[in-house]
Amino acid sequence: MFKTISKEIKERMEYLLKLDAEDRKKGTPMLRRLKQIPADTGQFIAILLASSPEGNAVEIGTSAGYSTLWLSLAGRELNRKIHTFELLEDKIRLAKETFKKARVEDIVELVEGDARKNLKGFDRISFCFLDAEKEIYNEIYDIVIPKMVSGGILVADNVISHGKELKPFMEKAMNDSRVDAVLVPIGSGELVCRVL
């Protein structure tokens, strides 16, 4: 999977990393920044998706599509589509450009609008990567977990970097009898939940 990344995906990943670095340097406001995951987190979520059971793969918070490109590697291997949800128009535009230039439009479906509404049409979710505005984590968790298949994996990003803000969410997941949960100290901190 990682040894066969296409030239188009590599080039787009490099471009997005450059944009992200420029955003941080300029002090672009948080909501407008790309806020991309580090490459090791991308590899981590790709391996988790590749190890997940049969079902729908969803990503909440596309941004410019960097994490989606990592997920597309596993999607291609599994012959499984990635459904990625984004609300902000400027990021939707950039994500569409990403998927076209990286040639992953056949494996990635960009769902425009509020994931909290659009997830209602999805069942049998086997994998979910949650990397959106932190105030919706609880709500997304409550929507997604009941829709997940046994053995399904939910990964929530930023649980260390935003530890104080996400403490109630973390406590909910850690005490949820429907899942096994573990905090993985990679990148900004990943909460990994496996549905029983």
Protein backbone atom coordinates (compact mmCIF):
# COMPACT_ATOMS: atom_id res chain seq x y z
CA MET A 1 0.00 0.00 0.00
CA PHE A 2 2.67 2.57 1.02
CA LYS A 3 5.25 1.17 -1.38
CA THR A 4 3.01 1.71 -4.40
CA ILE A 5 1.78 5.29 -3.85
CA SER A 6 1.23 6.88 -7.26
CA LYS A 7 3.22 9.88 -8.47
CA GLU A 8 -0.02 11.92 -8.60
CA ILE A 9 -0.89 11.19 -4.96
CA LYS A 10 2.67 11.93 -3.79
CA GLU A 11 2.74 15.23 -5.66
CA ARG A 12 -0.62 16.33 -4.27
CA MET A 13 0.37 15.33 -0.72
CA GLU A 14 3.55 17.41 -1.04
CA TYR A 15 1.58 20.38 -2.39
CA LEU A 16 -0.94 20.21 0.48
CA LEU A 17 1.83 19.94 3.09
CA LYS A 18 3.40 23.07 1.57
CA LEU A 19 0.04 24.93 1.71
CA ASP A 20 -0.43 23.84 5.34
CA ALA A 21 3.05 25.07 6.30
CA GLU A 22 2.35 28.43 4.62
CA ASP A 23 -0.98 28.72 6.49
CA ARG A 24 0.74 28.14 9.82
CA LYS A 25 3.52 30.62 8.99
CA LYS A 26 1.03 33.33 7.97
CA GLY A 27 -1.15 32.71 11.01
CA THR A 28 -4.24 31.87 8.95
CA PRO A 29 -7.32 31.68 11.24
CA MET A 30 -7.97 28.14 12.55
CA LEU A 31 -11.28 27.62 10.71
CA ARG A 32 -9.69 28.49 7.36
CA ARG A 33 -6.45 26.55 7.90
CA LEU A 34 -6.01 23.13 6.33
CA LYS A 35 -5.18 21.53 9.70
CA GLN A 36 -3.72 18.41 8.15
CA ILE A 37 -2.67 15.30 10.02
CA PRO A 38 1.02 14.32 10.01
CA ALA A 39 2.14 11.60 7.59
CA ASP A 40 2.58 8.99 10.37
CA THR A 41 -1.06 9.53 11.39
CA GLY A 42 -2.05 9.12 7.73
CA GLN A 43 -0.24 5.79 7.57
CA PHE A 44 -1.82 4.75 10.87
CA ILE A 45 -5.40 5.42 9.74
CA ALA A 46 -4.75 3.76 6.36
CA ILE A 47 -3.60 0.58 8.13
CA LEU A 48 -6.66 0.67 10.42
CA LEU A 49 -8.99 1.08 7.45
CA ALA A 50 -7.21 -1.75 5.60
CA SER A 51 -7.80 -3.92 8.71
CA SER A 52 -11.47 -3.02 9.16
CA PRO A 53 -14.36 -5.36 8.35
CA GLU A 54 -16.62 -5.12 5.29
CA GLY A 55 -18.81 -1.99 5.25
CA ASN A 56 -18.86 1.74 4.55
CA ALA A 57 -15.78 3.87 5.18
CA VAL A 58 -16.47 7.47 6.21
CA GLU A 59 -14.33 10.48 7.04
CA ILE A 60 -15.80 13.45 8.89
CA GLY A 61 -13.85 16.60 7.99
CA THR A 62 -12.24 16.43 4.55
CA SER A 63 -10.42 19.76 4.61
CA ALA A 64 -8.28 19.75 1.42
CA GLY A 65 -8.26 15.95 1.21
CA TYR A 66 -4.79 15.11 2.59
CA SER A 67 -6.02 12.48 5.08
CA THR A 68 -8.47 11.23 2.44
CA LEU A 69 -5.53 10.48 0.14
CA TRP A 70 -4.04 8.22 2.83
CA LEU A 71 -7.42 6.51 3.26
CA SER A 72 -7.75 6.12 -0.52
CA LEU A 73 -4.68 3.85 -0.49
CA ALA A 74 -6.54 1.37 1.73
CA GLY A 75 -9.77 1.95 -0.17
CA ARG A 76 -8.06 1.03 -3.42
CA GLU A 77 -6.60 -2.12 -1.86
CA LEU A 78 -10.00 -3.15 -0.44
CA ASN A 79 -11.95 -1.98 -3.49
CA ARG A 80 -13.98 0.15 -1.05
CA LYS A 81 -15.16 3.73 -1.58
CA ILE A 82 -14.25 6.45 0.93
CA HIS A 83 -17.18 8.78 1.73
CA THR A 84 -15.72 12.03 3.03
CA PHE A 85 -17.83 14.86 4.48
CA GLU A 86 -16.98 18.58 4.29
CA LEU A 87 -19.03 21.66 5.15
CA LEU A 88 -16.86 24.63 4.14
CA GLU A 89 -17.05 25.74 0.50
CA ASP A 90 -13.41 26.81 0.08
CA LYS A 91 -12.25 23.44 1.43
CA ILE A 92 -14.75 21.58 -0.78
CA ARG A 93 -13.28 23.35 -3.81
CA LEU A 94 -9.73 22.46 -2.78
CA ALA A 95 -10.70 18.84 -1.99
CA LYS A 96 -12.32 18.41 -5.42
CA GLU A 97 -9.09 19.66 -6.99
CA THR A 98 -7.10 17.24 -4.78
CA PHE A 99 -9.14 14.20 -5.78
CA LYS A 100 -9.00 15.08 -9.47
CA LYS A 101 -5.24 15.77 -9.55
CA ALA A 102 -4.47 12.69 -7.43
CA ARG A 103 -6.74 10.56 -9.67
CA VAL A 104 -8.77 9.09 -6.83
CA GLU A 105 -12.23 10.30 -7.90
CA ASP A 106 -13.26 6.70 -8.60
CA ILE A 107 -12.55 5.65 -5.00
CA VAL A 108 -13.48 8.86 -3.11
CA GLU A 109 -16.95 10.36 -2.81
CA LEU A 110 -17.04 13.92 -1.45
CA VAL A 111 -20.29 14.57 0.44
CA GLU A 112 -20.95 18.30 0.66
CA GLY A 113 -22.75 19.74 3.67
CA ASP A 114 -23.27 18.98 7.34
CA ALA A 115 -22.20 15.42 8.19
CA ARG A 116 -24.68 15.34 11.07
CA LYS A 117 -27.50 15.44 8.51
CA ASN A 118 -25.83 13.57 5.66
CA LEU A 119 -24.77 10.58 7.79
CA LYS A 120 -28.41 9.62 8.21
CA GLY A 121 -28.25 7.89 4.81
CA PHE A 122 -25.32 5.67 5.82
CA ASP A 123 -25.55 2.29 7.52
CA ARG A 124 -23.13 -0.60 8.02
CA ILE A 125 -20.22 1.72 8.74
CA SER A 126 -17.01 -0.26 9.25
CA PHE A 127 -14.56 2.64 9.56
CA CYS A 128 -14.85 6.28 10.59
CA PHE A 129 -12.10 8.89 10.80
CA LEU A 130 -13.31 11.90 12.79
CA ASP A 131 -11.29 15.08 12.32
CA ALA A 132 -13.74 17.99 12.38
CA GLU A 133 -14.59 20.89 14.67
CA LYS A 134 -14.23 19.55 18.20
CA GLU A 135 -17.64 20.74 19.42
CA ILE A 136 -19.38 18.20 17.15
CA TYR A 137 -17.35 15.12 18.22
CA ASN A 138 -19.96 13.97 20.76
CA GLU A 139 -22.80 14.36 18.30
CA ILE A 140 -20.96 12.55 15.49
CA TYR A 141 -20.02 9.74 17.89
CA ASP A 142 -23.68 9.34 18.89
CA ILE A 143 -24.73 9.16 15.23
CA VAL A 144 -21.95 6.85 13.99
CA ILE A 145 -21.48 4.23 16.73
CA PRO A 146 -25.02 2.76 16.45
CA LYS A 147 -24.54 2.51 12.67
CA MET A 148 -21.25 0.60 12.90
CA VAL A 149 -20.79 -3.09 12.21
CA SER A 150 -19.23 -5.39 14.81
CA GLY A 151 -15.46 -4.94 14.64
CA GLY A 152 -15.87 -1.51 13.07
CA ILE A 153 -13.24 1.10 13.93
CA LEU A 154 -13.76 4.76 14.80
CA VAL A 155 -10.66 6.96 15.04
CA ALA A 156 -10.93 10.47 16.52
CA ASP A 157 -8.06 12.91 15.92
CA ASN A 158 -6.63 15.59 18.25
CA VAL A 159 -7.57 13.95 21.54
CA ILE A 160 -4.20 14.88 23.08
CA SER A 161 -3.68 18.29 21.46
CA HIS A 162 -7.26 19.27 22.38
CA GLY A 163 -7.36 17.16 25.55
CA LYS A 164 -9.13 19.67 27.77
CA GLU A 165 -11.80 20.45 25.19
CA LEU A 166 -12.36 16.78 24.31
CA LYS A 167 -12.23 15.39 27.87
CA PRO A 168 -16.03 14.76 28.09
CA PHE A 169 -15.94 13.06 24.69
CA MET A 170 -12.99 10.89 25.74
CA GLU A 171 -14.69 9.90 28.99
CA LYS A 172 -17.87 8.98 27.11
CA ALA A 173 -15.98 6.74 24.66
CA MET A 174 -13.77 5.13 27.31
CA ASN A 175 -16.84 4.25 29.40
CA ASP A 176 -19.06 3.13 26.49
CA SER A 177 -19.92 -0.56 26.92
CA ARG A 178 -20.42 -0.87 23.12
CA VAL A 179 -16.73 -0.33 22.31
CA ASP A 180 -13.18 -1.10 23.33
CA ALA A 181 -11.23 2.18 23.32
CA VAL A 182 -7.58 3.12 23.55
CA LEU A 183 -5.64 6.37 23.31
CA VAL A 184 -2.75 6.13 20.85
CA PRO A 185 -0.05 8.82 21.29
CA ILE A 186 0.68 9.36 17.59
CA GLY A 187 0.45 12.77 15.92
CA SER A 188 -2.02 14.95 17.85
CA GLY A 189 -3.37 11.91 19.70
CA GLU A 190 -5.79 9.35 18.28
CA LEU A 191 -8.66 7.75 20.12
CA VAL A 192 -9.29 4.34 18.57
CA CYS A 193 -12.63 2.66 19.30
CA ARG A 194 -13.51 -0.84 18.13
CA VAL A 195 -17.19 -1.73 18.17
CA LEU A 196 -17.97 -4.98 20.00
